[in-house]
PDB file of N, CA and C in Angstrom:
ATOM      1  N   MET A   1     -24.927  47.640   1.222  1.00  0.00           N
ATOM      2  CA  MET A   1     -25.227  46.115   2.347  1.00  0.00           C
ATOM      3  C   MET A   1     -25.914  45.469   1.842  1.00  0.00           C
ATOM      4  N   GLU A   2     -26.526  44.959   0.987  1.00  0.00           N
ATOM      5  CA  GLU A   2     -27.083  44.071  -0.056  1.00  0.00           C
ATOM      6  C   GLU A   2     -26.572  43.063  -0.617  1.00  0.00           C
ATOM      7  N   THR A   3     -25.523  43.807  -1.192  1.00  0.00           N
ATOM      8  CA  THR A   3     -24.797  43.152  -2.130  1.00  0.00           C
ATOM      9  C   THR A   3     -23.680  42.664  -1.628  1.00  0.00           C
ATOM     10  N   MET A   4     -23.292  43.016  -0.468  1.00  0.00           N
ATOM     11  CA  MET A   4     -21.967  42.426   0.698  1.00  0.00           C
ATOM     12  C   MET A   4     -22.415  41.239   0.886  1.00  0.00           C
ATOM     13  N   SER A   5     -23.731  41.277   1.517  1.00  0.00           N
ATOM     14  CA  SER A   5     -24.024  40.123   2.107  1.00  0.00           C
ATOM     15  C   SER A   5     -24.342  39.120   1.173  1.00  0.00           C
ATOM     16  N   LEU A   6     -24.791  39.300  -0.101  1.00  0.00           N
ATOM     17  CA  LEU A   6     -24.550  38.417  -1.418  1.00  0.00           C
ATOM     18  C   LEU A   6     -23.243  37.624  -1.758  1.00  0.00           C
ATOM     19  N   LEU A   7     -22.331  39.015  -1.492  1.00  0.00           N
ATOM     20  CA  LEU A   7     -21.315  38.109  -1.880  1.00  0.00           C
ATOM     21  C   LEU A   7     -20.448  37.433  -0.989  1.00  0.00           C
ATOM     22  N   ILE A   8     -20.669  37.487   0.212  1.00  0.00           N
ATOM     23  CA  ILE A   8     -20.557  36.932   1.902  1.00  0.00           C
ATOM     24  C   ILE A   8     -20.982  35.172   1.684  1.00  0.00           C
ATOM     25  N   LEU A   9     -22.538  35.492   1.484  1.00  0.00           N
ATOM     26  CA  LEU A   9     -22.897  34.134   1.044  1.00  0.00           C
ATOM     27  C   LEU A   9     -22.371  33.341  -0.334  1.00  0.00           C
ATOM     28  N   VAL A  10     -22.219  33.504  -1.092  1.00  0.00           N
ATOM     29  CA  VAL A  10     -21.470  33.344  -2.349  1.00  0.00           C
ATOM     30  C   VAL A  10     -20.190  32.763  -2.180  1.00  0.00           C
ATOM     31  N   VAL A  11     -19.111  33.203  -1.145  1.00  0.00           N
ATOM     32  CA  VAL A  11     -17.814  33.000  -0.768  1.00  0.00           C
ATOM     33  C   VAL A  11     -18.200  31.725   0.001  1.00  0.00           C
ATOM     34  N   LEU A  12     -19.040  31.676   0.744  1.00  0.00           N
ATOM     35  CA  LEU A  12     -19.015  30.799   1.679  1.00  0.00           C
ATOM     36  C   LEU A  12     -19.586  29.711   1.338  1.00  0.00           C
ATOM     37  N   GLY A  13     -20.490  29.950   0.231  1.00  0.00           N
ATOM     38  CA  GLY A  13     -20.970  28.863  -0.353  1.00  0.00           C
ATOM     39  C   GLY A  13     -20.008  27.786  -1.040  1.00  0.00           C
ATOM     40  N   THR A  14     -19.192  28.688  -1.944  1.00  0.00           N
ATOM     41  CA  THR A  14     -18.116  28.306  -2.505  1.00  0.00           C
ATOM     42  C   THR A  14     -17.150  27.493  -2.013  1.00  0.00           C
ATOM     43  N   PHE A  15     -16.724  28.023  -0.290  1.00  0.00           N
ATOM     44  CA  PHE A  15     -16.171  27.242   0.576  1.00  0.00           C
ATOM     45  C   PHE A  15     -17.004  25.900   0.887  1.00  0.00           C
ATOM     46  N   LEU A  16     -17.675  25.635   0.965  1.00  0.00           N
ATOM     47  CA  LEU A  16     -18.324  24.484   2.044  1.00  0.00           C
ATOM     48  C   LEU A  16     -18.658  23.674   0.308  1.00  0.00           C
ATOM     49  N   ILE A  17     -18.843  24.155  -0.681  1.00  0.00           N
ATOM     50  CA  ILE A  17     -18.813  22.844  -1.687  1.00  0.00           C
ATOM     51  C   ILE A  17     -17.512  22.256  -1.794  1.00  0.00           C
ATOM     52  N   ALA A  18     -16.364  23.421  -1.970  1.00  0.00           N
ATOM     53  CA  ALA A  18     -15.180  23.066  -2.252  1.00  0.00           C
ATOM     54  C   ALA A  18     -14.526  21.879  -0.601  1.00  0.00           C
ATOM     55  N   GLY A  19     -15.338  22.474   0.494  1.00  0.00           N
ATOM     56  CA  GLY A  19     -14.877  21.409   1.360  1.00  0.00           C
ATOM     57  C   GLY A  19     -15.316  20.290   1.366  1.00  0.00           C
ATOM     58  N   GLY A  20     -16.858  19.925   0.885  1.00  0.00           N
ATOM     59  CA  GLY A  20     -17.471  19.305   0.277  1.00  0.00           C
ATOM     60  C   GLY A  20     -16.678  18.303  -0.348  1.00  0.00           C
ATOM     61  N   LEU A  21     -16.455  18.628  -1.732  1.00  0.00           N
ATOM     62  CA  LEU A  21     -15.351  17.973  -2.390  1.00  0.00           C
ATOM     63  C   LEU A  21     -14.514  17.325  -1.847  1.00  0.00           C
ATOM     64  N   ALA A  22     -13.831  17.737  -0.894  1.00  0.00           N
ATOM     65  CA  ALA A  22     -12.667  17.426  -0.594  1.00  0.00           C
ATOM     66  C   ALA A  22     -12.450  16.709   0.116  1.00  0.00           C
ATOM     67  N   LEU A  23     -13.620  16.439   1.294  1.00  0.00           N
ATOM     68  CA  LEU A  23     -13.919  15.637   2.025  1.00  0.00           C
ATOM     69  C   LEU A  23     -14.793  14.063   1.253  1.00  0.00           C
ATOM     70  N   LEU A  24     -15.151  14.347   0.435  1.00  0.00           N
ATOM     71  CA  LEU A  24     -15.571  13.170  -0.731  1.00  0.00           C
ATOM     72  C   LEU A  24     -14.990  12.136  -1.311  1.00  0.00           C
ATOM     73  N   ARG A  25     -13.509  13.333  -1.531  1.00  0.00           N
ATOM     74  CA  ARG A  25     -12.574  12.621  -1.875  1.00  0.00           C
ATOM     75  C   ARG A  25     -11.718  11.564  -1.044  1.00  0.00           C
ATOM     76  N   VAL A  26     -11.483  12.260  -0.010  1.00  0.00           N
ATOM     77  CA  VAL A  26     -10.448  11.399   1.070  1.00  0.00           C
ATOM     78  C   VAL A  26     -11.684  10.644   1.191  1.00  0.00           C
ATOM     79  N   LEU A  27     -12.934  10.339   1.583  1.00  0.00           N
ATOM     80  CA  LEU A  27     -13.720   9.281   2.085  1.00  0.00           C
ATOM     81  C   LEU A  27     -13.575   8.279   0.955  1.00  0.00           C
ATOM     82  N   LEU A  28     -13.388   8.824  -0.547  1.00  0.00           N
ATOM     83  CA  LEU A  28     -13.579   7.607  -2.014  1.00  0.00           C
ATOM     84  C   LEU A  28     -12.131   6.681  -1.337  1.00  0.00           C
ATOM     85  N   SER A  29     -11.221   7.301  -1.028  1.00  0.00           N
ATOM     86  CA  SER A  29      -9.953   7.287  -0.882  1.00  0.00           C
ATOM     87  C   SER A  29      -9.602   5.808  -0.132  1.00  0.00           C
ATOM     88  N   VAL A  30     -10.404   6.572   1.120  1.00  0.00           N
ATOM     89  CA  VAL A  30     -10.458   5.491   2.114  1.00  0.00           C
ATOM     90  C   VAL A  30     -10.686   4.073   2.029  1.00  0.00           C
ATOM     91  N   GLY A  31     -12.129   4.493   1.359  1.00  0.00           N
ATOM     92  CA  GLY A  31     -13.039   3.038   1.084  1.00  0.00           C
ATOM     93  C   GLY A  31     -12.506   2.700  -0.170  1.00  0.00           C
ATOM     94  N   ARG A  32     -12.336   3.001  -1.244  1.00  0.00           N
ATOM     95  CA  ARG A  32     -11.304   1.927  -2.036  1.00  0.00           C
ATOM     96  C   ARG A  32     -10.064   1.429  -1.562  1.00  0.00           C
ATOM     97  N   THR A  33      -9.154   1.923  -0.221  1.00  0.00           N
ATOM     98  CA  THR A  33      -8.225   1.035   0.328  1.00  0.00           C
ATOM     99  C   THR A  33      -8.668   0.490   1.188  1.00  0.00           C
ATOM    100  N   LEU A  34     -10.006  -0.083   1.776  1.00  0.00           N
ATOM    101  CA  LEU A  34     -10.468  -0.804   2.615  1.00  0.00           C
ATOM    102  C   LEU A  34     -11.096  -1.848   1.731  1.00  0.00           C
ATOM    103  N   ILE A  35     -11.447  -1.340   0.577  1.00  0.00           N
ATOM    104  CA  ILE A  35     -11.962  -2.722  -0.278  1.00  0.00           C
ATOM    105  C   ILE A  35     -10.716  -3.444  -0.463  1.00  0.00           C
ATOM    106  N   THR A  36     -10.166  -2.889  -0.890  1.00  0.00           N
ATOM    107  CA  THR A  36      -8.981  -3.453  -1.328  1.00  0.00           C
ATOM    108  C   THR A  36      -8.106  -4.487  -0.138  1.00  0.00           C
ATOM    109  N   VAL A  37      -7.595  -3.673   1.078  1.00  0.00           N
ATOM    110  CA  VAL A  37      -7.574  -4.760   1.881  1.00  0.00           C
ATOM    111  C   VAL A  37      -8.426  -5.872   2.451  1.00  0.00           C
ATOM    112  N   ALA A  38      -9.867  -5.719   2.128  1.00  0.00           N
ATOM    113  CA  ALA A  38     -11.139  -6.495   1.906  1.00  0.00           C
ATOM    114  C   ALA A  38     -10.867  -7.926   1.293  1.00  0.00           C
ATOM    115  N   ALA A  39     -10.964  -7.156   0.110  1.00  0.00           N
ATOM    116  CA  ALA A  39      -9.915  -8.217  -0.834  1.00  0.00           C
ATOM    117  C   ALA A  39      -8.929  -8.696  -0.485  1.00  0.00           C
ATOM    118  N   ASN A  40      -7.573  -8.577  -0.526  1.00  0.00           N
ATOM    119  CA  ASN A  40      -6.639  -8.899  -0.323  1.00  0.00           C
ATOM    120  C   ASN A  40      -6.832 -10.068   1.287  1.00  0.00           C
ATOM    121  N   MET A  41      -7.751  -9.872   1.844  1.00  0.00           N
ATOM    122  CA  MET A  41      -7.926 -10.603   3.456  1.00  0.00           C
ATOM    123  C   MET A  41      -8.645 -11.973   2.771  1.00  0.00           C
ATOM    124  N   LEU A  42      -9.400 -11.729   1.793  1.00  0.00           N
ATOM    125  CA  LEU A  42     -10.687 -12.795   1.260  1.00  0.00           C
ATOM    126  C   LEU A  42      -9.625 -13.769   0.071  1.00  0.00           C
ATOM    127  N   THR A  43      -8.912 -13.437  -0.376  1.00  0.00           N
ATOM    128  CA  THR A  43      -7.937 -13.959  -1.398  1.00  0.00           C
ATOM    129  C   THR A  43      -7.082 -14.935  -0.272  1.00  0.00           C
ATOM    130  N   GLY A  44      -6.095 -14.235   0.685  1.00  0.00           N
ATOM    131  CA  GLY A  44      -5.204 -14.897   1.342  1.00  0.00           C
ATOM    132  C   GLY A  44      -6.096 -16.396   1.966  1.00  0.00           C
ATOM    133  N   LEU A  45      -6.872 -16.015   2.650  1.00  0.00           N
ATOM    134  CA  LEU A  45      -8.286 -17.091   3.486  1.00  0.00           C
ATOM    135  C   LEU A  45      -8.359 -18.425   2.422  1.00  0.00           C
ATOM    136  N   VAL A  46      -9.204 -17.593   1.480  1.00  0.00           N
ATOM    137  CA  VAL A  46      -9.162 -19.187  -0.280  1.00  0.00           C
ATOM    138  C   VAL A  46      -7.907 -19.716  -0.349  1.00  0.00           C
ATOM    139  N   ILE A  47      -6.574 -18.972  -0.452  1.00  0.00           N
ATOM    140  CA  ILE A  47      -5.726 -19.592  -0.910  1.00  0.00           C
ATOM    141  C   ILE A  47      -5.126 -20.298   0.184  1.00  0.00           C
ATOM    142  N   LEU A  48      -5.053 -19.741   1.735  1.00  0.00           N
ATOM    143  CA  LEU A  48      -4.912 -20.780   2.523  1.00  0.00           C
ATOM    144  C   LEU A  48      -5.583 -22.415   2.660  1.00  0.00           C
ATOM    145  N   ILE A  49      -7.112 -21.874   2.546  1.00  0.00           N
ATOM    146  CA  ILE A  49      -8.082 -23.161   2.100  1.00  0.00           C
ATOM    147  C   ILE A  49      -7.330 -24.005   1.448  1.00  0.00           C
ATOM    148  N   CYS A  50      -7.364 -23.631   0.347  1.00  0.00           N
ATOM    149  CA  CYS A  50      -6.533 -24.618  -1.028  1.00  0.00           C
ATOM    150  C   CYS A  50      -5.716 -24.894  -0.656  1.00  0.00           C
ATOM    151  N   VAL A  51      -4.554 -24.317  -0.072  1.00  0.00           N
ATOM    152  CA  VAL A  51      -3.000 -24.937   0.280  1.00  0.00           C
ATOM    153  C   VAL A  51      -3.294 -25.790   1.188  1.00  0.00           C
ATOM    154  N   ASN A  52      -4.382 -25.655   2.101  1.00  0.00           N
ATOM    155  CA  ASN A  52      -3.932 -27.399   3.447  1.00  0.00           C
ATOM    156  C   ASN A  52      -4.622 -27.864   2.865  1.00  0.00           C
ATOM    157  N   MET A  53      -5.276 -28.293   1.479  1.00  0.00           N
ATOM    158  CA  MET A  53      -5.739 -29.769   0.948  1.00  0.00           C
ATOM    159  C   MET A  53      -4.671 -30.073   0.281  1.00  0.00           C
ATOM    160  N   LEU A  54      -3.583 -29.622   0.420  1.00  0.00           N
ATOM    161  CA  LEU A  54      -2.336 -30.342  -0.252  1.00  0.00           C
ATOM    162  C   LEU A  54      -2.019 -31.494   0.577  1.00  0.00           C
ATOM    163  N   PRO A  55      -1.707 -32.788   0.170  1.00  0.00           N
ATOM    164  CA  PRO A  55      -1.146 -33.628   1.096  1.00  0.00           C
ATOM    165  C   PRO A  55       0.012 -33.229   1.864  1.00  0.00           C
ATOM    166  N   PHE A  56       0.619 -32.629   1.192  1.00  0.00           N
ATOM    167  CA  PHE A  56       2.325 -32.342   1.853  1.00  0.00           C
ATOM    168  C   PHE A  56       2.609 -31.418   2.447  1.00  0.00           C
ATOM    169  N   ILE A  57       1.539 -30.128   2.930  1.00  0.00           N
ATOM    170  CA  ILE A  57       1.261 -29.210   3.605  1.00  0.00           C
ATOM    171  C   ILE A  57       0.171 -29.369   4.343  1.00  0.00           C
ATOM    172  N   ASN A  58       0.710 -29.168   5.740  1.00  0.00           N
ATOM    173  CA  ASN A  58      -0.091 -28.804   6.786  1.00  0.00           C
ATOM    174  C   ASN A  58      -0.268 -27.426   7.740  1.00  0.00           C
ATOM    175  N   LEU A  59      -1.155 -26.785   7.539  1.00  0.00           N
ATOM    176  CA  LEU A  59      -0.579 -25.332   7.924  1.00  0.00           C
ATOM    177  C   LEU A  59      -2.135 -25.558   9.024  1.00  0.00           C
ATOM    178  N   PRO A  60      -1.852 -25.140  10.090  1.00  0.00           N
ATOM    179  CA  PRO A  60      -3.039 -25.266  11.258  1.00  0.00           C
ATOM    180  C   PRO A  60      -3.612 -23.902  10.902  1.00  0.00           C
ATOM    181  N   PHE A  61      -4.780 -23.811  11.679  1.00  0.00           N
ATOM    182  CA  PHE A  61      -5.912 -23.187  11.144  1.00  0.00           C
ATOM    183  C   PHE A  61      -6.139 -22.457  12.544  1.00  0.00           C
ATOM    184  N   ASN A  62      -5.318 -21.399  12.783  1.00  0.00           N
ATOM    185  CA  ASN A  62      -5.214 -20.782  14.254  1.00  0.00           C
ATOM    186  C   ASN A  62      -5.045 -19.079  14.053  1.00  0.00           C
ATOM    187  N   LEU A  63      -4.896 -18.333  15.119  1.00  0.00           N
ATOM    188  CA  LEU A  63      -4.991 -16.848  15.104  1.00  0.00           C
ATOM    189  C   LEU A  63      -3.911 -16.340  14.407  1.00  0.00           C
ATOM    190  N   LEU A  64      -2.967 -16.557  14.164  1.00  0.00           N
ATOM    191  CA  LEU A  64      -1.689 -16.659  14.017  1.00  0.00           C
ATOM    192  C   LEU A  64      -1.372 -16.556  12.275  1.00  0.00           C
ATOM    193  N   THR A  65      -1.978 -17.991  11.813  1.00  0.00           N
ATOM    194  CA  THR A  65      -2.042 -18.335  10.564  1.00  0.00           C
ATOM    195  C   THR A  65      -3.068 -17.447   9.897  1.00  0.00           C
ATOM    196  N   ILE A  66      -4.316 -16.993  10.435  1.00  0.00           N
ATOM    197  CA  ILE A  66      -5.577 -16.572   9.782  1.00  0.00           C
ATOM    198  C   ILE A  66      -5.357 -15.032   9.097  1.00  0.00           C
ATOM    199  N   LEU A  67      -4.185 -14.348  10.593  1.00  0.00           N
ATOM    200  CA  LEU A  67      -3.979 -13.281  10.693  1.00  0.00           C
ATOM    201  C   LEU A  67      -2.993 -12.843   9.335  1.00  0.00           C
ATOM    202  N   VAL A  68      -1.967 -13.641   8.950  1.00  0.00           N
ATOM    203  CA  VAL A  68      -0.849 -13.646   8.364  1.00  0.00           C
ATOM    204  C   VAL A  68      -1.323 -13.716   6.741  1.00  0.00           C
ATOM    205  N   ALA A  69      -2.072 -14.710   6.939  1.00  0.00           N
ATOM    206  CA  ALA A  69      -2.906 -14.938   5.448  1.00  0.00           C
ATOM    207  C   ALA A  69      -3.841 -13.769   5.004  1.00  0.00           C
ATOM    208  N   GLY A  70      -4.628 -13.465   6.267  1.00  0.00           N
ATOM    209  CA  GLY A  70      -5.516 -12.470   5.411  1.00  0.00           C
ATOM    210  C   GLY A  70      -4.869 -11.230   5.115  1.00  0.00           C
ATOM    211  N   PHE A  71      -3.743 -10.523   6.537  1.00  0.00           N
ATOM    212  CA  PHE A  71      -3.336  -9.464   5.735  1.00  0.00           C
ATOM    213  C   PHE A  71      -2.248  -9.364   4.773  1.00  0.00           C
ATOM    214  N   GLY A  72      -1.628 -10.604   4.796  1.00  0.00           N
ATOM    215  CA  GLY A  72      -0.858 -10.724   3.751  1.00  0.00           C
ATOM    216  C   GLY A  72      -1.232 -11.296   2.419  1.00  0.00           C
ATOM    217  N   GLY A  73      -1.962 -11.670   2.456  1.00  0.00           N
ATOM    218  CA  GLY A  73      -2.772 -12.245   1.158  1.00  0.00           C
ATOM    219  C   GLY A  73      -1.743 -13.255   0.796  1.00  0.00           C
ATOM    220  N   ILE A  74      -1.214 -13.320  -0.952  1.00  0.00           N
ATOM    221  CA  ILE A  74      -0.897 -14.450  -1.333  1.00  0.00           C
ATOM    222  C   ILE A  74       0.462 -14.303  -0.941  1.00  0.00           C
ATOM    223  N   ALA A  75       1.409 -13.219  -1.045  1.00  0.00           N
ATOM    224  CA  ALA A  75       2.409 -12.774   0.129  1.00  0.00           C
ATOM    225  C   ALA A  75       2.625 -13.756   1.708  1.00  0.00           C
ATOM    226  N   GLY A  76       1.649 -13.656   2.179  1.00  0.00           N
ATOM    227  CA  GLY A  76       1.689 -14.116   3.466  1.00  0.00           C
ATOM    228  C   GLY A  76       1.298 -15.617   3.373  1.00  0.00           C
ATOM    229  N   VAL A  77       0.356 -16.303   2.349  1.00  0.00           N
ATOM    230  CA  VAL A  77       0.216 -17.918   2.052  1.00  0.00           C
ATOM    231  C   VAL A  77       1.525 -17.815   2.156  1.00  0.00           C
ATOM    232  N   GLY A  78       2.467 -17.450   1.116  1.00  0.00           N
ATOM    233  CA  GLY A  78       3.732 -17.972   0.640  1.00  0.00           C
ATOM    234  C   GLY A  78       4.536 -18.039   1.594  1.00  0.00           C
ATOM    235  N   ILE A  79       4.824 -16.872   2.952  1.00  0.00           N
ATOM    236  CA  ILE A  79       5.503 -16.849   3.959  1.00  0.00           C
ATOM    237  C   ILE A  79       5.105 -17.885   4.809  1.00  0.00           C
ATOM    238  N   LEU A  80       4.114 -18.393   5.436  1.00  0.00           N
ATOM    239  CA  LEU A  80       3.354 -19.748   5.851  1.00  0.00           C
ATOM    240  C   LEU A  80       4.375 -20.535   5.244  1.00  0.00           C
ATOM    241  N   ILE A  81       4.171 -20.908   4.186  1.00  0.00           N
ATOM    242  CA  ILE A  81       4.651 -22.117   3.377  1.00  0.00           C
ATOM    243  C   ILE A  81       6.157 -22.259   3.354  1.00  0.00           C
ATOM    244  N   ILE A  82       6.617 -21.098   3.422  1.00  0.00           N
ATOM    245  CA  ILE A  82       7.985 -20.986   3.622  1.00  0.00           C
ATOM    246  C   ILE A  82       8.328 -21.377   5.100  1.00  0.00           C
ATOM    247  N   GLY A  83       7.772 -21.309   6.167  1.00  0.00           N
ATOM    248  CA  GLY A  83       7.599 -21.272   7.435  1.00  0.00           C
ATOM    249  C   GLY A  83       7.455 -22.696   8.076  1.00  0.00           C
ATOM    250  N   ASN A  84       6.470 -23.122   6.857  1.00  0.00           N
ATOM    251  CA  ASN A  84       5.787 -24.858   7.196  1.00  0.00           C
ATOM    252  C   ASN A  84       7.127 -25.615   7.005  1.00  0.00           C
ATOM    253  N   ILE A  85       7.831 -25.274   5.606  1.00  0.00           N
ATOM    254  CA  ILE A  85       8.882 -26.413   5.050  1.00  0.00           C
ATOM    255  C   ILE A  85       9.882 -26.406   6.136  1.00  0.00           C
ATOM    256  N   ALA A  86      10.553 -24.477   6.402  1.00  0.00           N
ATOM    257  CA  ALA A  86      11.471 -24.647   7.415  1.00  0.00           C
ATOM    258  C   ALA A  86      10.980 -25.415   8.939  1.00  0.00           C
ATOM    259  N   GLY A  87      10.041 -25.837   9.142  1.00  0.00           N
ATOM    260  CA  GLY A  87       9.575 -26.213  10.487  1.00  0.00           C
ATOM    261  C   GLY A  87       9.144 -25.438  11.401  1.00  0.00           C
ATOM    262  N   PHE A  88       9.197 -23.864  11.606  1.00  0.00           N
ATOM    263  CA  PHE A  88       8.353 -23.092  12.259  1.00  0.00           C
ATOM    264  C   PHE A  88       7.276 -23.263  12.620  1.00  0.00           C
ATOM    265  N   ILE A  89       6.441 -23.384  11.480  1.00  0.00           N
ATOM    266  CA  ILE A  89       5.232 -23.874  12.085  1.00  0.00           C
ATOM    267  C   ILE A  89       4.496 -24.895  11.927  1.00  0.00           C
TER     268      ILE A  89
END
């Protein structure tokens, strides 16, 4: 009886450690994704501000342009510039 409870304790401990490691791996991948998205947003906003300093491009700072530049990053600012040249913005 004593060895059976020890075996159950070892098996449960192994499952808890494996589950904890799996959860840690998921949390680290989500954290890495969030850091990547935050860096992309910061890059897009900085490039939007820098591009707006050019005399021939006048992008307004409103919710749409900030969201497109933030979530799109460099490609989002490129889309905004093309939209500005085409007359959509």
